[in-house]
Amino acid sequence: MNRRYFLLGAAIALVAAERLLRDRYDNVVDVHIDVLAAMADKASAFALIDRRPSPNDMTELMYPLGRARQFLDRYQGESDRPSYAAFADLVDAYAKLVAEIDAERGSDAAWRRFRPTLDARIAPVRDAVARVRALRNA
């Protein structure tokens, strides 16, 4: 009889743990989506002002990328979710954007040529944000 209660308790604990992990995934991915969207908006602001991103600016842009990649590694068990794959696409689009900004910020001339194209380069990130949010809200 005790064994049956133990197994029942263990099963209930597993279901509860799975639910907590699933809820945790949902909450954490939402935070990452919001942060990457906000940082893309910050990158867009560089097109509006006549100032190249500083090394500190690049650190601010790169940090959320590292955290988003850690999230993908940590939640690989959720990779069957459509939102996980869409979030991975968002991370790739954001990584490409940050790499392009970093490559072009080295000189005033390169930045002046690059700056007018920045909003078009941010568009894939914004599109990816919209796709992930649509999947999260479906």
N, C-alpha and C. Protein backbone atom coordinates (compact mmCIF):
# COMPACT_ATOMS: atom_id res chain seq x y z
N MET A 1 0.81 -1.19 0.00
CA MET A 1 0.00 0.00 0.00
C MET A 1 0.86 1.26 0.00
N ASN A 2 1.93 1.27 0.83
CA ASN A 2 2.82 2.42 0.87
C ASN A 2 3.50 2.65 -0.47
N ARG A 3 3.84 1.55 -1.13
CA ARG A 3 4.49 1.68 -2.44
C ARG A 3 3.55 2.34 -3.45
N ARG A 4 2.29 1.98 -3.40
CA ARG A 4 1.30 2.57 -4.32
C ARG A 4 1.20 4.08 -4.07
N TYR A 5 1.15 4.49 -2.82
CA TYR A 5 1.09 5.92 -2.50
C TYR A 5 2.38 6.63 -2.93
N PHE A 6 3.48 5.97 -2.74
CA PHE A 6 4.76 6.54 -3.16
C PHE A 6 4.77 6.76 -4.67
N LEU A 7 4.35 5.74 -5.43
CA LEU A 7 4.32 5.85 -6.90
C LEU A 7 3.33 6.91 -7.34
N LEU A 8 2.18 6.97 -6.69
CA LEU A 8 1.20 8.00 -7.02
C LEU A 8 1.76 9.38 -6.72
N GLY A 9 2.41 9.51 -5.57
CA GLY A 9 3.03 10.79 -5.22
C GLY A 9 4.13 11.18 -6.19
N ALA A 10 4.93 10.20 -6.60
CA ALA A 10 6.00 10.47 -7.56
C ALA A 10 5.42 10.89 -8.90
N ALA A 11 4.35 10.25 -9.33
CA ALA A 11 3.72 10.61 -10.61
C ALA A 11 3.16 12.02 -10.55
N ILE A 12 2.52 12.35 -9.44
CA ILE A 12 1.97 13.70 -9.28
C ILE A 12 3.10 14.73 -9.28
N ALA A 13 4.19 14.41 -8.60
CA ALA A 13 5.34 15.32 -8.56
C ALA A 13 5.93 15.52 -9.95
N LEU A 14 6.00 14.44 -10.74
CA LEU A 14 6.53 14.56 -12.10
C LEU A 14 5.63 15.43 -12.97
N VAL A 15 4.34 15.24 -12.86
CA VAL A 15 3.40 16.06 -13.64
C VAL A 15 3.53 17.53 -13.22
N ALA A 16 3.61 17.77 -11.92
CA ALA A 16 3.75 19.14 -11.43
C ALA A 16 5.06 19.76 -11.89
N ALA A 17 6.14 18.98 -11.83
CA ALA A 17 7.44 19.49 -12.27
C ALA A 17 7.42 19.80 -13.76
N GLU A 18 6.80 18.94 -14.54
CA GLU A 18 6.71 19.20 -15.98
C GLU A 18 5.93 20.48 -16.24
N ARG A 19 4.85 20.67 -15.51
CA ARG A 19 4.03 21.88 -15.66
C ARG A 19 4.84 23.13 -15.28
N LEU A 20 5.59 23.05 -14.20
CA LEU A 20 6.42 24.18 -13.78
C LEU A 20 7.48 24.50 -14.82
N LEU A 21 8.13 23.46 -15.37
CA LEU A 21 9.14 23.69 -16.40
C LEU A 21 8.52 24.28 -17.65
N ARG A 22 7.34 23.80 -18.02
CA ARG A 22 6.66 24.32 -19.21
C ARG A 22 6.30 25.78 -18.99
N ASP A 23 5.73 26.09 -17.81
CA ASP A 23 5.40 27.48 -17.50
C ASP A 23 6.65 28.34 -17.46
N ARG A 24 7.71 27.79 -16.92
CA ARG A 24 8.98 28.52 -16.86
C ARG A 24 9.47 28.83 -18.27
N TYR A 25 9.40 27.86 -19.17
CA TYR A 25 9.81 28.09 -20.55
C TYR A 25 9.02 29.27 -21.12
N ASP A 26 7.70 29.23 -20.94
CA ASP A 26 6.85 30.29 -21.49
C ASP A 26 7.25 31.66 -20.96
N ASN A 27 7.45 31.75 -19.66
CA ASN A 27 7.81 33.04 -19.06
C ASN A 27 9.19 33.51 -19.52
N VAL A 28 10.14 32.61 -19.53
CA VAL A 28 11.51 33.00 -19.87
C VAL A 28 11.63 33.36 -21.34
N VAL A 29 10.99 32.60 -22.23
CA VAL A 29 11.09 32.94 -23.66
C VAL A 29 10.44 34.30 -23.92
N ASP A 30 9.36 34.60 -23.22
CA ASP A 30 8.73 35.92 -23.40
C ASP A 30 9.68 37.05 -23.02
N VAL A 31 10.42 36.87 -21.94
CA VAL A 31 11.39 37.89 -21.52
C VAL A 31 12.47 38.05 -22.59
N HIS A 32 12.98 36.94 -23.10
CA HIS A 32 14.03 37.01 -24.12
C HIS A 32 13.52 37.69 -25.39
N ILE A 33 12.30 37.39 -25.79
CA ILE A 33 11.71 38.04 -26.97
C ILE A 33 11.65 39.55 -26.74
N ASP A 34 11.15 39.96 -25.58
CA ASP A 34 11.03 41.39 -25.28
C ASP A 34 12.39 42.08 -25.28
N VAL A 35 13.39 41.43 -24.69
CA VAL A 35 14.72 42.04 -24.62
C VAL A 35 15.34 42.16 -26.01
N LEU A 36 15.26 41.11 -26.82
CA LEU A 36 15.84 41.18 -28.17
C LEU A 36 15.11 42.23 -29.02
N ALA A 37 13.80 42.34 -28.86
CA ALA A 37 13.05 43.37 -29.59
C ALA A 37 13.49 44.77 -29.16
N ALA A 38 13.65 44.96 -27.85
CA ALA A 38 14.09 46.26 -27.34
C ALA A 38 15.49 46.61 -27.82
N MET A 39 16.36 45.62 -27.86
CA MET A 39 17.73 45.89 -28.31
C MET A 39 17.77 46.17 -29.81
N ALA A 40 16.89 45.54 -30.58
CA ALA A 40 16.80 45.87 -32.01
C ALA A 40 16.33 47.32 -32.17
N ASP A 41 15.40 47.74 -31.32
CA ASP A 41 14.96 49.15 -31.35
C ASP A 41 16.11 50.08 -30.98
N LYS A 42 16.92 49.66 -30.02
CA LYS A 42 18.08 50.48 -29.65
C LYS A 42 19.05 50.58 -30.84
N ALA A 43 19.26 49.47 -31.53
CA ALA A 43 20.12 49.49 -32.70
C ALA A 43 19.55 50.42 -33.77
N SER A 44 18.25 50.44 -33.90
CA SER A 44 17.60 51.34 -34.85
C SER A 44 17.87 52.80 -34.51
N ALA A 45 17.99 53.09 -33.24
CA ALA A 45 18.26 54.47 -32.83
C ALA A 45 19.61 54.96 -33.34
N PHE A 46 20.54 54.02 -33.55
CA PHE A 46 21.84 54.43 -34.10
C PHE A 46 21.70 54.99 -35.50
N ALA A 47 20.65 54.61 -36.21
CA ALA A 47 20.42 55.17 -37.55
C ALA A 47 19.92 56.61 -37.45
N LEU A 48 19.29 56.95 -36.35
CA LEU A 48 18.71 58.28 -36.18
C LEU A 48 19.71 59.30 -35.67
N ILE A 49 20.69 58.83 -34.92
CA ILE A 49 21.68 59.76 -34.39
C ILE A 49 22.98 59.60 -35.18
N ASP A 50 23.74 60.61 -35.19
CA ASP A 50 24.99 60.57 -35.96
C ASP A 50 26.14 60.18 -35.04
N ARG A 51 26.06 58.95 -34.54
CA ARG A 51 27.11 58.45 -33.65
C ARG A 51 27.26 56.96 -33.87
N ARG A 52 28.49 56.55 -34.09
CA ARG A 52 28.76 55.12 -34.22
C ARG A 52 28.60 54.44 -32.88
N PRO A 53 28.18 53.18 -32.87
CA PRO A 53 28.09 52.47 -31.59
C PRO A 53 29.48 52.31 -30.97
N SER A 54 29.55 52.56 -29.69
CA SER A 54 30.81 52.43 -28.94
C SER A 54 31.02 50.97 -28.55
N PRO A 55 32.21 50.65 -28.06
CA PRO A 55 32.39 49.29 -27.53
C PRO A 55 31.38 48.94 -26.43
N ASN A 56 31.04 49.91 -25.59
CA ASN A 56 30.03 49.66 -24.56
C ASN A 56 28.66 49.38 -25.18
N ASP A 57 28.33 50.11 -26.24
CA ASP A 57 27.07 49.85 -26.94
C ASP A 57 27.06 48.43 -27.51
N MET A 58 28.18 48.01 -28.05
CA MET A 58 28.25 46.66 -28.62
C MET A 58 28.12 45.60 -27.53
N THR A 59 28.70 45.86 -26.38
CA THR A 59 28.55 44.92 -25.26
C THR A 59 27.08 44.81 -24.88
N GLU A 60 26.39 45.94 -24.85
CA GLU A 60 24.96 45.92 -24.52
C GLU A 60 24.16 45.15 -25.57
N LEU A 61 24.54 45.28 -26.84
CA LEU A 61 23.83 44.56 -27.90
C LEU A 61 24.16 43.07 -27.88
N MET A 62 25.38 42.72 -27.52
CA MET A 62 25.80 41.32 -27.57
C MET A 62 25.36 40.51 -26.35
N TYR A 63 25.27 41.14 -25.21
CA TYR A 63 24.94 40.40 -23.99
C TYR A 63 23.63 39.61 -24.11
N PRO A 64 22.53 40.23 -24.57
CA PRO A 64 21.29 39.46 -24.67
C PRO A 64 21.39 38.31 -25.68
N LEU A 65 22.25 38.44 -26.65
CA LEU A 65 22.46 37.36 -27.61
C LEU A 65 23.04 36.14 -26.90
N GLY A 66 24.03 36.35 -26.06
CA GLY A 66 24.61 35.24 -25.31
C GLY A 66 23.60 34.59 -24.39
N ARG A 67 22.78 35.40 -23.74
CA ARG A 67 21.76 34.86 -22.84
C ARG A 67 20.70 34.09 -23.63
N ALA A 68 20.33 34.58 -24.79
CA ALA A 68 19.34 33.88 -25.62
C ALA A 68 19.89 32.53 -26.08
N ARG A 69 21.16 32.50 -26.42
CA ARG A 69 21.77 31.22 -26.81
C ARG A 69 21.81 30.25 -25.64
N GLN A 70 22.08 30.75 -24.45
CA GLN A 70 22.04 29.90 -23.25
C GLN A 70 20.64 29.34 -23.03
N PHE A 71 19.64 30.17 -23.27
CA PHE A 71 18.25 29.72 -23.14
C PHE A 71 17.98 28.57 -24.10
N LEU A 72 18.41 28.71 -25.35
CA LEU A 72 18.20 27.65 -26.33
C LEU A 72 18.87 26.35 -25.88
N ASP A 73 20.07 26.46 -25.35
CA ASP A 73 20.76 25.26 -24.86
C ASP A 73 20.02 24.64 -23.67
N ARG A 74 19.60 25.48 -22.76
CA ARG A 74 18.96 24.98 -21.54
C ARG A 74 17.62 24.31 -21.81
N TYR A 75 16.88 24.84 -22.79
CA TYR A 75 15.54 24.33 -23.06
C TYR A 75 15.47 23.51 -24.34
N GLN A 76 16.55 22.81 -24.67
CA GLN A 76 16.52 21.95 -25.86
C GLN A 76 15.41 20.92 -25.79
N GLY A 77 15.00 20.54 -24.62
CA GLY A 77 13.90 19.60 -24.45
C GLY A 77 12.58 20.14 -24.97
N GLU A 78 12.50 21.42 -25.21
CA GLU A 78 11.29 22.05 -25.75
C GLU A 78 11.39 22.28 -27.26
N SER A 79 12.40 21.70 -27.89
CA SER A 79 12.66 21.98 -29.31
C SER A 79 11.55 21.49 -30.24
N ASP A 80 10.62 20.70 -29.73
CA ASP A 80 9.49 20.27 -30.55
C ASP A 80 8.42 21.35 -30.66
N ARG A 81 8.53 22.38 -29.85
CA ARG A 81 7.57 23.49 -29.90
C ARG A 81 7.86 24.37 -31.12
N PRO A 82 6.85 24.78 -31.84
CA PRO A 82 7.07 25.73 -32.93
C PRO A 82 7.71 27.04 -32.46
N SER A 83 7.35 27.47 -31.25
CA SER A 83 7.92 28.73 -30.75
C SER A 83 9.42 28.60 -30.49
N TYR A 84 9.89 27.41 -30.15
CA TYR A 84 11.33 27.21 -29.92
C TYR A 84 12.09 27.41 -31.23
N ALA A 85 11.61 26.79 -32.29
CA ALA A 85 12.27 26.93 -33.60
C ALA A 85 12.21 28.38 -34.09
N ALA A 86 11.07 29.02 -33.88
CA ALA A 86 10.94 30.43 -34.29
C ALA A 86 11.86 31.32 -33.46
N PHE A 87 12.00 31.00 -32.17
CA PHE A 87 12.91 31.77 -31.33
C PHE A 87 14.35 31.57 -31.78
N ALA A 88 14.71 30.35 -32.15
CA ALA A 88 16.06 30.09 -32.67
C ALA A 88 16.31 30.92 -33.93
N ASP A 89 15.30 31.05 -34.79
CA ASP A 89 15.42 31.91 -35.98
C ASP A 89 15.61 33.37 -35.58
N LEU A 90 14.89 33.81 -34.55
CA LEU A 90 15.05 35.17 -34.05
C LEU A 90 16.47 35.39 -33.55
N VAL A 91 17.00 34.45 -32.81
CA VAL A 91 18.37 34.57 -32.30
C VAL A 91 19.36 34.66 -33.46
N ASP A 92 19.17 33.85 -34.49
CA ASP A 92 20.06 33.90 -35.66
C ASP A 92 19.97 35.26 -36.36
N ALA A 93 18.75 35.78 -36.53
CA ALA A 93 18.58 37.08 -37.18
C ALA A 93 19.23 38.19 -36.36
N TYR A 94 19.06 38.14 -35.06
CA TYR A 94 19.65 39.14 -34.18
C TYR A 94 21.18 39.04 -34.21
N ALA A 95 21.71 37.82 -34.21
CA ALA A 95 23.16 37.63 -34.27
C ALA A 95 23.74 38.22 -35.55
N LYS A 96 23.05 38.02 -36.65
CA LYS A 96 23.51 38.58 -37.93
C LYS A 96 23.51 40.11 -37.87
N LEU A 97 22.45 40.68 -37.32
CA LEU A 97 22.37 42.14 -37.19
C LEU A 97 23.53 42.68 -36.35
N VAL A 98 23.76 42.09 -35.21
CA VAL A 98 24.82 42.57 -34.32
C VAL A 98 26.19 42.43 -34.99
N ALA A 99 26.41 41.34 -35.70
CA ALA A 99 27.68 41.15 -36.41
C ALA A 99 27.87 42.21 -37.49
N GLU A 100 26.80 42.54 -38.20
CA GLU A 100 26.90 43.58 -39.24
C GLU A 100 27.20 44.94 -38.64
N ILE A 101 26.52 45.27 -37.57
CA ILE A 101 26.77 46.55 -36.90
C ILE A 101 28.22 46.62 -36.42
N ASP A 102 28.67 45.55 -35.81
CA ASP A 102 30.04 45.53 -35.28
C ASP A 102 31.07 45.67 -36.40
N ALA A 103 30.80 45.03 -37.53
CA ALA A 103 31.74 45.08 -38.66
C ALA A 103 31.82 46.48 -39.28
N GLU A 104 30.73 47.22 -39.24
CA GLU A 104 30.67 48.51 -39.94
C GLU A 104 30.92 49.72 -39.05
N ARG A 105 31.03 49.53 -37.78
CA ARG A 105 31.17 50.68 -36.88
C ARG A 105 32.61 51.15 -36.74
N GLY A 106 33.55 50.46 -37.40
CA GLY A 106 34.97 50.72 -37.21
C GLY A 106 35.44 52.08 -37.68
N SER A 107 34.83 52.62 -38.71
CA SER A 107 35.27 53.94 -39.21
C SER A 107 34.05 54.80 -39.50
N ASP A 108 34.27 56.11 -39.46
CA ASP A 108 33.16 57.03 -39.75
C ASP A 108 32.62 56.81 -41.16
N ALA A 109 33.51 56.62 -42.13
CA ALA A 109 33.07 56.45 -43.52
C ALA A 109 32.23 55.17 -43.67
N ALA A 110 32.70 54.08 -43.09
CA ALA A 110 31.94 52.82 -43.18
C ALA A 110 30.59 52.97 -42.49
N TRP A 111 30.58 53.63 -41.36
CA TRP A 111 29.32 53.79 -40.63
C TRP A 111 28.35 54.68 -41.40
N ARG A 112 28.85 55.75 -42.04
CA ARG A 112 27.98 56.63 -42.84
C ARG A 112 27.35 55.86 -43.99
N ARG A 113 28.10 54.94 -44.60
CA ARG A 113 27.53 54.12 -45.68
C ARG A 113 26.52 53.11 -45.15
N PHE A 114 26.79 52.58 -43.99
CA PHE A 114 25.97 51.52 -43.41
C PHE A 114 24.68 52.06 -42.77
N ARG A 115 24.78 53.19 -42.14
CA ARG A 115 23.68 53.73 -41.33
C ARG A 115 22.35 53.82 -42.08
N PRO A 116 22.30 54.28 -43.33
CA PRO A 116 21.00 54.34 -44.02
C PRO A 116 20.37 52.97 -44.27
N THR A 117 21.15 51.91 -44.19
CA THR A 117 20.62 50.57 -44.44
C THR A 117 20.22 49.85 -43.15
N LEU A 118 20.43 50.51 -42.03
CA LEU A 118 20.24 49.83 -40.76
C LEU A 118 18.80 49.38 -40.52
N ASP A 119 17.83 50.23 -40.82
CA ASP A 119 16.44 49.83 -40.60
C ASP A 119 16.06 48.61 -41.45
N ALA A 120 16.55 48.57 -42.67
CA ALA A 120 16.27 47.39 -43.52
C ALA A 120 16.94 46.14 -42.96
N ARG A 121 18.08 46.31 -42.34
CA ARG A 121 18.78 45.16 -41.74
C ARG A 121 18.12 44.72 -40.44
N ILE A 122 17.42 45.61 -39.78
CA ILE A 122 16.70 45.27 -38.55
C ILE A 122 15.37 44.59 -38.88
N ALA A 123 14.84 44.80 -40.06
CA ALA A 123 13.53 44.24 -40.43
C ALA A 123 13.44 42.73 -40.21
N PRO A 124 14.45 41.92 -40.58
CA PRO A 124 14.32 40.48 -40.31
C PRO A 124 14.20 40.14 -38.82
N VAL A 125 14.83 40.95 -37.97
CA VAL A 125 14.70 40.73 -36.53
C VAL A 125 13.27 41.05 -36.09
N ARG A 126 12.75 42.16 -36.55
CA ARG A 126 11.37 42.53 -36.19
C ARG A 126 10.37 41.49 -36.72
N ASP A 127 10.60 41.01 -37.94
CA ASP A 127 9.73 39.96 -38.49
C ASP A 127 9.79 38.69 -37.64
N ALA A 128 11.00 38.32 -37.22
CA ALA A 128 11.17 37.12 -36.40
C ALA A 128 10.49 37.30 -35.04
N VAL A 129 10.59 38.50 -34.47
CA VAL A 129 9.90 38.79 -33.20
C VAL A 129 8.40 38.59 -33.38
N ALA A 130 7.85 39.13 -34.46
CA ALA A 130 6.42 39.00 -34.70
C ALA A 130 6.01 37.53 -34.87
N ARG A 131 6.84 36.74 -35.56
CA ARG A 131 6.51 35.31 -35.74
C ARG A 131 6.51 34.56 -34.41
N VAL A 132 7.52 34.81 -33.59
CA VAL A 132 7.58 34.12 -32.30
C VAL A 132 6.40 34.54 -31.43
N ARG A 133 6.10 35.81 -31.39
CA ARG A 133 4.97 36.27 -30.56
C ARG A 133 3.66 35.67 -31.06
N ALA A 134 3.50 35.59 -32.36
CA ALA A 134 2.26 34.99 -32.91
C ALA A 134 2.15 33.53 -32.48
N LEU A 135 3.24 32.81 -32.53
CA LEU A 135 3.22 31.40 -32.10
C LEU A 135 2.99 31.27 -30.60
N ARG A 136 3.53 32.20 -29.84
CA ARG A 136 3.36 32.16 -28.38
C ARG A 136 1.93 32.46 -27.99
N ASN A 137 1.26 33.29 -28.78
CA ASN A 137 -0.10 33.70 -28.45
C ASN A 137 -1.17 32.84 -29.12
N ALA A 138 -0.74 31.87 -29.90
CA ALA A 138 -1.71 31.01 -30.61
C ALA A 138 -2.32 29.99 -29.68
